[in-house]
PDB file of N, CA and C in Angstrom:
ATOM      1  N   MET A   1     158.236 122.355 119.783  1.00  0.00           N
ATOM      2  CA  MET A   1     156.739 122.405 119.882  1.00  0.00           C
ATOM      3  C   MET A   1     156.453 122.548 121.394  1.00  0.00           C
ATOM      4  N   VAL A   2     155.949 123.593 121.865  1.00  0.00           N
ATOM      5  CA  VAL A   2     155.296 123.883 123.337  1.00  0.00           C
ATOM      6  C   VAL A   2     154.343 123.219 123.668  1.00  0.00           C
ATOM      7  N   ASN A   3     154.288 122.619 124.695  1.00  0.00           N
ATOM      8  CA  ASN A   3     153.192 122.249 125.348  1.00  0.00           C
ATOM      9  C   ASN A   3     151.979 122.921 125.711  1.00  0.00           C
ATOM     10  N   ASP A   4     150.911 122.635 124.940  1.00  0.00           N
ATOM     11  CA  ASP A   4     149.676 123.719 125.428  1.00  0.00           C
ATOM     12  C   ASP A   4     149.360 123.485 126.981  1.00  0.00           C
ATOM     13  N   MET A   5     149.624 122.602 127.669  1.00  0.00           N
ATOM     14  CA  MET A   5     149.009 122.065 128.713  1.00  0.00           C
ATOM     15  C   MET A   5     149.319 122.988 130.047  1.00  0.00           C
ATOM     16  N   PRO A   6     148.131 123.698 130.851  1.00  0.00           N
ATOM     17  CA  PRO A   6     148.641 124.520 131.932  1.00  0.00           C
ATOM     18  C   PRO A   6     149.519 123.785 133.250  1.00  0.00           C
ATOM     19  N   MET A   7     150.306 124.764 133.444  1.00  0.00           N
ATOM     20  CA  MET A   7     151.064 124.106 134.458  1.00  0.00           C
ATOM     21  C   MET A   7     150.109 123.964 135.467  1.00  0.00           C
ATOM     22  N   PRO A   8     150.614 122.792 136.520  1.00  0.00           N
ATOM     23  CA  PRO A   8     149.640 122.193 137.912  1.00  0.00           C
ATOM     24  C   PRO A   8     150.284 124.443 138.590  1.00  0.00           C
ATOM     25  N   ALA A   9     149.398 124.389 139.326  1.00  0.00           N
ATOM     26  CA  ALA A   9     148.969 125.362 140.473  1.00  0.00           C
ATOM     27  C   ALA A   9     150.224 125.763 141.307  1.00  0.00           C
ATOM     28  N   LEU A  10     150.458 124.329 141.643  1.00  0.00           N
ATOM     29  CA  LEU A  10     151.548 124.199 142.767  1.00  0.00           C
ATOM     30  C   LEU A  10     153.011 125.208 142.295  1.00  0.00           C
ATOM     31  N   ILE A  11     153.262 124.649 140.944  1.00  0.00           N
ATOM     32  CA  ILE A  11     154.542 125.079 140.094  1.00  0.00           C
ATOM     33  C   ILE A  11     154.527 126.705 139.830  1.00  0.00           C
ATOM     34  N   ARG A  12     153.052 127.122 140.190  1.00  0.00           N
ATOM     35  CA  ARG A  12     153.022 128.335 139.084  1.00  0.00           C
ATOM     36  C   ARG A  12     153.054 129.411 140.623  1.00  0.00           C
ATOM     37  N   ALA A  13     153.037 128.927 141.773  1.00  0.00           N
ATOM     38  CA  ALA A  13     152.952 129.310 143.103  1.00  0.00           C
ATOM     39  C   ALA A  13     153.920 129.912 143.456  1.00  0.00           C
ATOM     40  N   PRO A  14     153.798 131.165 143.558  1.00  0.00           N
ATOM     41  CA  PRO A  14     155.274 132.140 144.327  1.00  0.00           C
ATOM     42  C   PRO A  14     156.143 131.569 145.051  1.00  0.00           C
ATOM     43  N   LEU A  15     155.705 131.203 146.282  1.00  0.00           N
ATOM     44  CA  LEU A  15     156.244 130.406 147.019  1.00  0.00           C
ATOM     45  C   LEU A  15     157.289 129.292 146.909  1.00  0.00           C
ATOM     46  N   PHE A  16     156.760 128.531 145.891  1.00  0.00           N
ATOM     47  CA  PHE A  16     157.411 127.607 145.199  1.00  0.00           C
ATOM     48  C   PHE A  16     158.554 127.546 144.431  1.00  0.00           C
ATOM     49  N   ARG A  17     158.496 128.672 143.663  1.00  0.00           N
ATOM     50  CA  ARG A  17     158.978 129.141 143.011  1.00  0.00           C
ATOM     51  C   ARG A  17     160.557 129.405 143.649  1.00  0.00           C
ATOM     52  N   ALA A  18     159.907 130.525 144.591  1.00  0.00           N
ATOM     53  CA  ALA A  18     161.451 130.942 145.326  1.00  0.00           C
ATOM     54  C   ALA A  18     161.977 129.820 146.253  1.00  0.00           C
ATOM     55  N   VAL A  19     161.335 128.868 146.552  1.00  0.00           N
ATOM     56  CA  VAL A  19     161.932 127.931 147.401  1.00  0.00           C
ATOM     57  C   VAL A  19     163.028 126.880 146.326  1.00  0.00           C
ATOM     58  N   ILE A  20     162.555 127.001 145.362  1.00  0.00           N
ATOM     59  CA  ILE A  20     163.537 126.230 143.967  1.00  0.00           C
ATOM     60  C   ILE A  20     164.350 126.843 143.508  1.00  0.00           C
ATOM     61  N   ALA A  21     164.725 128.463 143.506  1.00  0.00           N
ATOM     62  CA  ALA A  21     165.767 129.397 143.051  1.00  0.00           C
ATOM     63  C   ALA A  21     166.793 129.373 144.734  1.00  0.00           C
ATOM     64  N   ALA A  22     166.263 129.070 145.476  1.00  0.00           N
ATOM     65  CA  ALA A  22     166.811 129.179 146.324  1.00  0.00           C
ATOM     66  C   ALA A  22     167.278 127.867 146.690  1.00  0.00           C
ATOM     67  N   THR A  23     167.085 127.024 146.484  1.00  0.00           N
ATOM     68  CA  THR A  23     167.481 125.742 146.238  1.00  0.00           C
ATOM     69  C   THR A  23     168.980 125.505 145.398  1.00  0.00           C
ATOM     70  N   LEU A  24     168.234 126.419 143.936  1.00  0.00           N
ATOM     71  CA  LEU A  24     169.276 126.156 142.918  1.00  0.00           C
ATOM     72  C   LEU A  24     170.698 126.788 143.516  1.00  0.00           C
ATOM     73  N   ALA A  25     170.214 128.358 143.720  1.00  0.00           N
ATOM     74  CA  ALA A  25     171.344 128.804 144.351  1.00  0.00           C
ATOM     75  C   ALA A  25     172.519 128.232 145.419  1.00  0.00           C
ATOM     76  N   GLY A  26     172.016 127.623 146.052  1.00  0.00           N
ATOM     77  CA  GLY A  26     172.378 126.961 147.362  1.00  0.00           C
ATOM     78  C   GLY A  26     173.603 125.916 146.333  1.00  0.00           C
ATOM     79  N   LEU A  27     173.025 125.207 145.611  1.00  0.00           N
ATOM     80  CA  LEU A  27     173.905 124.313 144.766  1.00  0.00           C
ATOM     81  C   LEU A  27     174.870 124.709 143.634  1.00  0.00           C
ATOM     82  N   SER A  28     174.731 126.284 143.657  1.00  0.00           N
ATOM     83  CA  SER A  28     175.563 126.447 142.188  1.00  0.00           C
ATOM     84  C   SER A  28     176.895 126.841 143.008  1.00  0.00           C
ATOM     85  N   GLY A  29     177.801 126.763 144.551  1.00  0.00           N
ATOM     86  CA  GLY A  29     178.805 126.699 144.791  1.00  0.00           C
ATOM     87  C   GLY A  29     179.245 128.104 144.935  1.00  0.00           C
ATOM     88  N   GLY A  30     178.481 128.707 144.938  1.00  0.00           N
ATOM     89  CA  GLY A  30     178.801 130.682 145.050  1.00  0.00           C
ATOM     90  C   GLY A  30     178.847 130.408 146.590  1.00  0.00           C
ATOM     91  N   ALA A  31     178.877 131.887 146.928  1.00  0.00           N
ATOM     92  CA  ALA A  31     178.891 132.302 148.676  1.00  0.00           C
ATOM     93  C   ALA A  31     177.423 131.884 148.702  1.00  0.00           C
ATOM     94  N   ALA A  32     176.986 131.849 149.931  1.00  0.00           N
ATOM     95  CA  ALA A  32     175.957 131.720 150.528  1.00  0.00           C
ATOM     96  C   ALA A  32     175.136 132.899 150.739  1.00  0.00           C
ATOM     97  N   ALA A  33     173.831 133.371 150.959  1.00  0.00           N
ATOM     98  CA  ALA A  33     173.737 134.869 151.618  1.00  0.00           C
ATOM     99  C   ALA A  33     173.783 134.872 152.988  1.00  0.00           C
ATOM    100  N   HIS A  34     174.494 133.932 153.658  1.00  0.00           N
ATOM    101  CA  HIS A  34     174.563 133.889 155.144  1.00  0.00           C
ATOM    102  C   HIS A  34     176.314 134.048 154.940  1.00  0.00           C
ATOM    103  N   GLN A  35     177.007 134.669 154.412  1.00  0.00           N
ATOM    104  CA  GLN A  35     178.648 134.445 153.997  1.00  0.00           C
ATOM    105  C   GLN A  35     179.187 136.243 153.965  1.00  0.00           C
ATOM    106  N   ALA A  36     179.777 136.551 154.818  1.00  0.00           N
ATOM    107  CA  ALA A  36     180.296 137.854 154.637  1.00  0.00           C
ATOM    108  C   ALA A  36     181.358 137.777 152.960  1.00  0.00           C
ATOM    109  N   PRO A  37     181.473 138.790 152.783  1.00  0.00           N
ATOM    110  CA  PRO A  37     182.664 139.032 151.475  1.00  0.00           C
ATOM    111  C   PRO A  37     183.929 138.467 151.758  1.00  0.00           C
ATOM    112  N   THR A  38     184.015 138.482 152.589  1.00  0.00           N
ATOM    113  CA  THR A  38     185.506 137.782 152.850  1.00  0.00           C
ATOM    114  C   THR A  38     185.264 136.347 152.681  1.00  0.00           C
ATOM    115  N   GLY A  39     184.033 135.890 153.114  1.00  0.00           N
ATOM    116  CA  GLY A  39     183.966 134.161 152.878  1.00  0.00           C
ATOM    117  C   GLY A  39     183.546 133.839 154.614  1.00  0.00           C
ATOM    118  N   TRP A  40     183.601 134.287 155.475  1.00  0.00           N
ATOM    119  CA  TRP A  40     183.249 133.918 157.108  1.00  0.00           C
ATOM    120  C   TRP A  40     181.290 133.455 156.647  1.00  0.00           C
ATOM    121  N   SER A  41     181.282 132.932 157.694  1.00  0.00           N
ATOM    122  CA  SER A  41     179.772 132.515 157.480  1.00  0.00           C
ATOM    123  C   SER A  41     179.256 133.334 158.733  1.00  0.00           C
ATOM    124  N   TYR A  42     178.308 134.191 158.895  1.00  0.00           N
ATOM    125  CA  TYR A  42     177.350 134.366 159.958  1.00  0.00           C
ATOM    126  C   TYR A  42     176.917 133.417 160.496  1.00  0.00           C
ATOM    127  N   PRO A  43     177.005 133.753 161.888  1.00  0.00           N
ATOM    128  CA  PRO A  43     175.921 132.870 162.615  1.00  0.00           C
ATOM    129  C   PRO A  43     175.021 132.560 162.504  1.00  0.00           C
ATOM    130  N   TRP A  44     173.694 132.139 162.365  1.00  0.00           N
ATOM    131  CA  TRP A  44     172.815 131.706 161.961  1.00  0.00           C
ATOM    132  C   TRP A  44     171.678 132.501 163.298  1.00  0.00           C
ATOM    133  N   ALA A  45     172.101 132.464 164.162  1.00  0.00           N
ATOM    134  CA  ALA A  45     171.529 133.155 165.286  1.00  0.00           C
ATOM    135  C   ALA A  45     171.316 134.640 164.818  1.00  0.00           C
ATOM    136  N   CYS A  46     172.431 135.461 164.073  1.00  0.00           N
ATOM    137  CA  CYS A  46     172.410 136.458 163.816  1.00  0.00           C
ATOM    138  C   CYS A  46     171.757 137.111 162.166  1.00  0.00           C
ATOM    139  N   CYS A  47     171.744 136.017 161.577  1.00  0.00           N
ATOM    140  CA  CYS A  47     171.066 136.655 160.351  1.00  0.00           C
ATOM    141  C   CYS A  47     169.924 135.634 159.496  1.00  0.00           C
ATOM    142  N   SER A  48     169.767 134.608 160.416  1.00  0.00           N
ATOM    143  CA  SER A  48     168.526 133.567 159.768  1.00  0.00           C
ATOM    144  C   SER A  48     169.136 133.554 157.599  1.00  0.00           C
ATOM    145  N   ASN A  49     170.046 133.502 157.859  1.00  0.00           N
ATOM    146  CA  ASN A  49     170.520 133.253 156.425  1.00  0.00           C
ATOM    147  C   ASN A  49     170.215 134.538 155.325  1.00  0.00           C
ATOM    148  N   MET A  50     170.007 135.644 155.834  1.00  0.00           N
ATOM    149  CA  MET A  50     169.745 136.558 154.811  1.00  0.00           C
ATOM    150  C   MET A  50     170.008 138.156 155.726  1.00  0.00           C
ATOM    151  N   ASP A  51     169.895 138.823 156.753  1.00  0.00           N
ATOM    152  CA  ASP A  51     169.820 139.283 157.217  1.00  0.00           C
ATOM    153  C   ASP A  51     171.199 140.202 157.581  1.00  0.00           C
ATOM    154  N   CYS A  52     172.288 140.099 157.453  1.00  0.00           N
ATOM    155  CA  CYS A  52     173.602 140.456 157.341  1.00  0.00           C
ATOM    156  C   CYS A  52     174.356 140.952 156.148  1.00  0.00           C
ATOM    157  N   ARG A  53     175.244 142.248 156.577  1.00  0.00           N
ATOM    158  CA  ARG A  53     175.760 142.701 155.509  1.00  0.00           C
ATOM    159  C   ARG A  53     177.231 143.339 155.898  1.00  0.00           C
ATOM    160  N   GLN A  54     178.075 143.503 155.300  1.00  0.00           N
ATOM    161  CA  GLN A  54     179.043 144.614 155.606  1.00  0.00           C
ATOM    162  C   GLN A  54     179.271 146.113 155.431  1.00  0.00           C
ATOM    163  N   ILE A  55     179.645 146.987 156.645  1.00  0.00           N
ATOM    164  CA  ILE A  55     178.837 148.401 156.352  1.00  0.00           C
ATOM    165  C   ILE A  55     180.273 149.012 156.558  1.00  0.00           C
ATOM    166  N   ASP A  56     180.070 150.013 155.829  1.00  0.00           N
ATOM    167  CA  ASP A  56     181.543 150.897 156.271  1.00  0.00           C
ATOM    168  C   ASP A  56     181.413 151.653 157.460  1.00  0.00           C
ATOM    169  N   ALA A  57     182.775 151.850 157.799  1.00  0.00           N
ATOM    170  CA  ALA A  57     182.855 151.921 159.365  1.00  0.00           C
ATOM    171  C   ALA A  57     182.410 153.321 159.753  1.00  0.00           C
ATOM    172  N   ALA A  58     182.017 154.648 158.633  1.00  0.00           N
ATOM    173  CA  ALA A  58     181.218 155.592 159.008  1.00  0.00           C
ATOM    174  C   ALA A  58     180.002 155.381 159.312  1.00  0.00           C
ATOM    175  N   GLU A  59     179.937 154.231 159.183  1.00  0.00           N
ATOM    176  CA  GLU A  59     178.114 153.949 159.394  1.00  0.00           C
ATOM    177  C   GLU A  59     177.806 153.668 160.842  1.00  0.00           C
ATOM    178  N   ILE A  60     179.061 153.598 161.424  1.00  0.00           N
ATOM    179  CA  ILE A  60     179.046 153.333 163.301  1.00  0.00           C
ATOM    180  C   ILE A  60     179.847 154.502 163.822  1.00  0.00           C
ATOM    181  N   SER A  61     179.427 154.847 165.121  1.00  0.00           N
ATOM    182  CA  SER A  61     179.900 155.910 165.746  1.00  0.00           C
ATOM    183  C   SER A  61     180.218 155.012 166.962  1.00  0.00           C
ATOM    184  N   GLU A  62     181.055 155.727 167.564  1.00  0.00           N
ATOM    185  CA  GLU A  62     181.598 155.166 168.923  1.00  0.00           C
ATOM    186  C   GLU A  62     181.838 156.529 169.858  1.00  0.00           C
ATOM    187  N   PRO A  63     180.281 156.545 170.284  1.00  0.00           N
ATOM    188  CA  PRO A  63     180.500 157.958 171.502  1.00  0.00           C
ATOM    189  C   PRO A  63     181.732 158.006 172.565  1.00  0.00           C
ATOM    190  N   SER A  64     181.887 158.550 173.109  1.00  0.00           N
ATOM    191  CA  SER A  64     183.210 158.248 174.373  1.00  0.00           C
ATOM    192  C   SER A  64     182.129 158.774 175.622  1.00  0.00           C
ATOM    193  N   GLY A  65     182.545 158.780 177.164  1.00  0.00           N
ATOM    194  CA  GLY A  65     182.145 158.762 178.037  1.00  0.00           C
ATOM    195  C   GLY A  65     181.131 158.166 178.434  1.00  0.00           C
ATOM    196  N   ALA A  66     179.680 158.804 179.027  1.00  0.00           N
ATOM    197  CA  ALA A  66     179.045 157.499 179.437  1.00  0.00           C
ATOM    198  C   ALA A  66     178.128 157.254 178.481  1.00  0.00           C
ATOM    199  N   ASP A  67     178.245 157.657 177.135  1.00  0.00           N
ATOM    200  CA  ASP A  67     177.533 157.085 175.992  1.00  0.00           C
ATOM    201  C   ASP A  67     178.396 156.468 175.252  1.00  0.00           C
ATOM    202  N   SER A  68     179.192 155.121 175.817  1.00  0.00           N
ATOM    203  CA  SER A  68     179.959 154.703 175.365  1.00  0.00           C
ATOM    204  C   SER A  68     179.158 153.602 174.723  1.00  0.00           C
ATOM    205  N   GLY A  69     179.797 152.855 173.872  1.00  0.00           N
ATOM    206  CA  GLY A  69     179.217 152.039 172.806  1.00  0.00           C
ATOM    207  C   GLY A  69     179.426 152.027 171.462  1.00  0.00           C
ATOM    208  N   TYR A  70     178.253 151.461 170.789  1.00  0.00           N
ATOM    209  CA  TYR A  70     178.410 152.054 169.088  1.00  0.00           C
ATOM    210  C   TYR A  70     176.964 152.558 168.925  1.00  0.00           C
ATOM    211  N   VAL A  71     176.477 153.547 168.194  1.00  0.00           N
ATOM    212  CA  VAL A  71     175.684 153.981 167.288  1.00  0.00           C
ATOM    213  C   VAL A  71     175.270 153.629 166.047  1.00  0.00           C
ATOM    214  N   ILE A  72     174.613 152.870 165.672  1.00  0.00           N
ATOM    215  CA  ILE A  72     174.152 153.040 164.199  1.00  0.00           C
ATOM    216  C   ILE A  72     173.656 153.898 163.392  1.00  0.00           C
ATOM    217  N   ARG A  73     174.333 154.364 163.049  1.00  0.00           N
ATOM    218  CA  ARG A  73     174.001 156.109 162.078  1.00  0.00           C
ATOM    219  C   ARG A  73     172.793 156.232 161.568  1.00  0.00           C
ATOM    220  N   SER A  74     172.429 155.187 160.725  1.00  0.00           N
ATOM    221  CA  SER A  74     171.365 155.156 159.484  1.00  0.00           C
ATOM    222  C   SER A  74     169.600 154.930 160.758  1.00  0.00           C
ATOM    223  N   THR A  75     170.267 154.613 161.934  1.00  0.00           N
ATOM    224  CA  THR A  75     168.821 154.288 162.713  1.00  0.00           C
ATOM    225  C   THR A  75     168.444 155.193 163.935  1.00  0.00           C
ATOM    226  N   GLY A  76     170.185 155.233 164.640  1.00  0.00           N
ATOM    227  CA  GLY A  76     170.090 156.013 165.850  1.00  0.00           C
ATOM    228  C   GLY A  76     169.959 155.143 166.872  1.00  0.00           C
ATOM    229  N   GLU A  77     170.155 153.831 166.634  1.00  0.00           N
ATOM    230  CA  GLU A  77     170.141 153.176 167.645  1.00  0.00           C
ATOM    231  C   GLU A  77     171.357 152.773 168.177  1.00  0.00           C
ATOM    232  N   ARG A  78     171.214 152.784 169.470  1.00  0.00           N
ATOM    233  CA  ARG A  78     172.895 152.686 170.343  1.00  0.00           C
ATOM    234  C   ARG A  78     172.932 151.685 171.026  1.00  0.00           C
ATOM    235  N   ILE A  79     173.706 150.969 171.280  1.00  0.00           N
ATOM    236  CA  ILE A  79     174.089 149.216 171.492  1.00  0.00           C
ATOM    237  C   ILE A  79     175.239 149.606 172.731  1.00  0.00           C
ATOM    238  N   ALA A  80     174.757 149.368 173.877  1.00  0.00           N
ATOM    239  CA  ALA A  80     175.980 149.441 174.605  1.00  0.00           C
ATOM    240  C   ALA A  80     177.034 148.499 174.518  1.00  0.00           C
ATOM    241  N   PRO A  81     178.388 149.013 175.316  1.00  0.00           N
ATOM    242  CA  PRO A  81     179.517 147.913 175.138  1.00  0.00           C
ATOM    243  C   PRO A  81     179.325 146.712 175.352  1.00  0.00           C
ATOM    244  N   ASN A  82     178.623 146.429 176.550  1.00  0.00           N
ATOM    245  CA  ASN A  82     178.600 145.312 177.022  1.00  0.00           C
ATOM    246  C   ASN A  82     177.224 144.294 176.572  1.00  0.00           C
ATOM    247  N   ASP A  83     176.611 145.046 175.743  1.00  0.00           N
ATOM    248  CA  ASP A  83     175.229 143.998 174.910  1.00  0.00           C
ATOM    249  C   ASP A  83     175.749 142.623 174.433  1.00  0.00           C
ATOM    250  N   ARG A  84     174.853 141.906 174.376  1.00  0.00           N
ATOM    251  CA  ARG A  84     175.749 140.469 173.778  1.00  0.00           C
ATOM    252  C   ARG A  84     174.959 140.372 172.480  1.00  0.00           C
ATOM    253  N   ARG A  85     174.653 141.610 171.683  1.00  0.00           N
ATOM    254  CA  ARG A  85     174.525 141.624 170.099  1.00  0.00           C
ATOM    255  C   ARG A  85     175.703 141.937 169.257  1.00  0.00           C
ATOM    256  N   ILE A  86     177.082 142.455 169.887  1.00  0.00           N
ATOM    257  CA  ILE A  86     178.026 142.906 169.709  1.00  0.00           C
ATOM    258  C   ILE A  86     179.041 141.559 169.749  1.00  0.00           C
ATOM    259  N   ARG A  87     179.560 141.299 168.198  1.00  0.00           N
ATOM    260  CA  ARG A  87     180.209 140.164 168.251  1.00  0.00           C
ATOM    261  C   ARG A  87     181.707 140.636 167.366  1.00  0.00           C
ATOM    262  N   GLN A  88     182.853 139.918 167.819  1.00  0.00           N
ATOM    263  CA  GLN A  88     184.470 140.525 166.978  1.00  0.00           C
ATOM    264  C   GLN A  88     183.980 140.043 165.740  1.00  0.00           C
ATOM    265  N   SER A  89     184.202 140.738 165.006  1.00  0.00           N
ATOM    266  CA  SER A  89     184.641 140.768 163.477  1.00  0.00           C
ATOM    267  C   SER A  89     186.231 139.766 163.395  1.00  0.00           C
ATOM    268  N   PRO A  90     185.793 138.898 162.381  1.00  0.00           N
ATOM    269  CA  PRO A  90     186.803 137.811 161.989  1.00  0.00           C
ATOM    270  C   PRO A  90     188.023 138.791 160.841  1.00  0.00           C
ATOM    271  N   ASP A  91     187.092 139.484 160.191  1.00  0.00           N
ATOM    272  CA  ASP A  91     187.999 140.126 159.031  1.00  0.00           C
ATOM    273  C   ASP A  91     188.310 141.948 159.033  1.00  0.00           C
ATOM    274  N   GLY A  92     188.066 142.352 160.376  1.00  0.00           N
ATOM    275  CA  GLY A  92     188.587 143.759 160.843  1.00  0.00           C
ATOM    276  C   GLY A  92     187.489 144.529 160.047  1.00  0.00           C
ATOM    277  N   ALA A  93     186.160 144.617 159.660  1.00  0.00           N
ATOM    278  CA  ALA A  93     185.426 145.001 158.859  1.00  0.00           C
ATOM    279  C   ALA A  93     183.988 145.121 159.956  1.00  0.00           C
ATOM    280  N   PHE A  94     183.088 146.046 159.915  1.00  0.00           N
ATOM    281  CA  PHE A  94     182.322 146.208 160.465  1.00  0.00           C
ATOM    282  C   PHE A  94     181.118 145.013 159.851  1.00  0.00           C
ATOM    283  N   HIS A  95     179.926 144.463 160.420  1.00  0.00           N
ATOM    284  CA  HIS A  95     179.149 143.666 159.605  1.00  0.00           C
ATOM    285  C   HIS A  95     177.957 144.353 160.393  1.00  0.00           C
ATOM    286  N   TRP A  96     176.888 144.251 159.826  1.00  0.00           N
ATOM    287  CA  TRP A  96     175.380 144.684 160.328  1.00  0.00           C
ATOM    288  C   TRP A  96     174.263 143.577 160.306  1.00  0.00           C
ATOM    289  N   CYS A  97     173.662 142.927 161.005  1.00  0.00           N
ATOM    290  CA  CYS A  97     172.525 142.204 160.828  1.00  0.00           C
ATOM    291  C   CYS A  97     171.215 142.907 161.783  1.00  0.00           C
ATOM    292  N   ALA A  98     170.688 143.104 160.804  1.00  0.00           N
ATOM    293  CA  ALA A  98     169.391 143.560 161.349  1.00  0.00           C
ATOM    294  C   ALA A  98     168.035 142.929 160.565  1.00  0.00           C
ATOM    295  N   HIS A  99     167.079 142.898 161.109  1.00  0.00           N
ATOM    296  CA  HIS A  99     165.831 142.647 160.581  1.00  0.00           C
ATOM    297  C   HIS A  99     165.321 143.775 159.555  1.00  0.00           C
ATOM    298  N   GLN A 100     164.861 143.313 158.609  1.00  0.00           N
ATOM    299  CA  GLN A 100     164.649 143.737 157.526  1.00  0.00           C
ATOM    300  C   GLN A 100     166.140 143.870 156.602  1.00  0.00           C
ATOM    301  N   ALA A 101     166.437 143.231 156.086  1.00  0.00           N
ATOM    302  CA  ALA A 101     167.782 143.216 155.697  1.00  0.00           C
ATOM    303  C   ALA A 101     167.983 144.034 154.411  1.00  0.00           C
ATOM    304  N   GLY A 102     168.895 144.624 154.525  1.00  0.00           N
ATOM    305  CA  GLY A 102     169.098 145.571 153.225  1.00  0.00           C
ATOM    306  C   GLY A 102     168.292 147.429 153.334  1.00  0.00           C
ATOM    307  N   VAL A 103     167.578 147.292 154.475  1.00  0.00           N
ATOM    308  CA  VAL A 103     166.699 148.074 154.966  1.00  0.00           C
ATOM    309  C   VAL A 103     167.819 149.370 156.182  1.00  0.00           C
ATOM    310  N   ASP A 104     167.720 150.139 155.866  1.00  0.00           N
ATOM    311  CA  ASP A 104     168.528 150.879 156.903  1.00  0.00           C
ATOM    312  C   ASP A 104     167.712 151.380 158.156  1.00  0.00           C
ATOM    313  N   ALA A 105     166.612 150.828 158.379  1.00  0.00           N
ATOM    314  CA  ALA A 105     165.581 151.149 159.562  1.00  0.00           C
ATOM    315  C   ALA A 105     165.482 149.790 160.009  1.00  0.00           C
ATOM    316  N   GLY A 106     166.187 148.774 159.904  1.00  0.00           N
ATOM    317  CA  GLY A 106     166.047 147.507 160.822  1.00  0.00           C
ATOM    318  C   GLY A 106     166.746 147.395 162.068  1.00  0.00           C
ATOM    319  N   ARG A 107     166.028 146.665 162.848  1.00  0.00           N
ATOM    320  CA  ARG A 107     166.658 146.987 164.082  1.00  0.00           C
ATOM    321  C   ARG A 107     167.475 145.407 164.405  1.00  0.00           C
ATOM    322  N   THR A 108     168.499 145.901 165.048  1.00  0.00           N
ATOM    323  CA  THR A 108     170.137 145.269 165.164  1.00  0.00           C
ATOM    324  C   THR A 108     169.630 143.609 165.804  1.00  0.00           C
ATOM    325  N   ILE A 109     170.386 142.817 165.049  1.00  0.00           N
ATOM    326  CA  ILE A 109     170.371 141.690 165.470  1.00  0.00           C
ATOM    327  C   ILE A 109     171.653 140.860 166.363  1.00  0.00           C
ATOM    328  N   CYS A 110     172.552 141.396 165.674  1.00  0.00           N
ATOM    329  CA  CYS A 110     174.391 141.499 166.034  1.00  0.00           C
ATOM    330  C   CYS A 110     174.830 142.526 164.777  1.00  0.00           C
ATOM    331  N   LEU A 111     175.961 143.187 165.883  1.00  0.00           N
ATOM    332  CA  LEU A 111     177.262 143.956 165.039  1.00  0.00           C
ATOM    333  C   LEU A 111     178.397 143.219 165.390  1.00  0.00           C
ATOM    334  N   PHE A 112     179.102 143.066 164.118  1.00  0.00           N
ATOM    335  CA  PHE A 112     180.576 142.228 164.267  1.00  0.00           C
ATOM    336  C   PHE A 112     181.449 144.061 164.365  1.00  0.00           C
ATOM    337  N   VAL A 113     181.905 144.036 165.383  1.00  0.00           N
ATOM    338  CA  VAL A 113     183.045 144.878 165.481  1.00  0.00           C
ATOM    339  C   VAL A 113     184.507 144.565 165.495  1.00  0.00           C
ATOM    340  N   PRO A 114     185.110 145.480 164.457  1.00  0.00           N
ATOM    341  CA  PRO A 114     186.741 144.924 164.643  1.00  0.00           C
ATOM    342  C   PRO A 114     187.488 145.253 165.514  1.00  0.00           C
ATOM    343  N   PRO A 115     188.254 144.032 165.940  1.00  0.00           N
ATOM    344  CA  PRO A 115     189.314 144.241 167.381  1.00  0.00           C
ATOM    345  C   PRO A 115     189.587 145.835 167.264  1.00  0.00           C
ATOM    346  N   ARG A 116     190.134 146.445 168.415  1.00  0.00           N
ATOM    347  CA  ARG A 116     191.247 147.560 168.669  1.00  0.00           C
ATOM    348  C   ARG A 116     192.078 147.630 167.897  1.00  0.00           C
ATOM    349  N   GLU A 117     192.905 146.695 167.673  1.00  0.00           N
ATOM    350  CA  GLU A 117     194.272 146.415 166.714  1.00  0.00           C
ATOM    351  C   GLU A 117     194.001 146.579 165.541  1.00  0.00           C
ATOM    352  N   PHE A 118     192.703 146.595 165.142  1.00  0.00           N
ATOM    353  CA  PHE A 118     192.846 146.461 163.582  1.00  0.00           C
ATOM    354  C   PHE A 118     192.568 148.212 163.256  1.00  0.00           C
TER     355      PHE A 118
END
């Protein structure tokens, strides 16, 4: 038999439900949102627990000459080779951390690049 009493307003609140869902997901033992597919953890400063994802190498170009560094193809954003947002990728793949996770128009927080020997 279902109880016909109304749920308290706090339990019905979307933010409350989101916090509970995130807590349960964290307890499930699966990879957390701040982990790369291969299992290493993105630094909190790069991802805020949600803003990073592995991207195909074709999404990044490396112009030569005076324009050296990296270009995020989806946004056209240029990142100089000495920019502190560039990090070495521990798994040999490119990873992009940007505001507005999952949206190709976000501004880069960190870009993980494979070492030259990969």
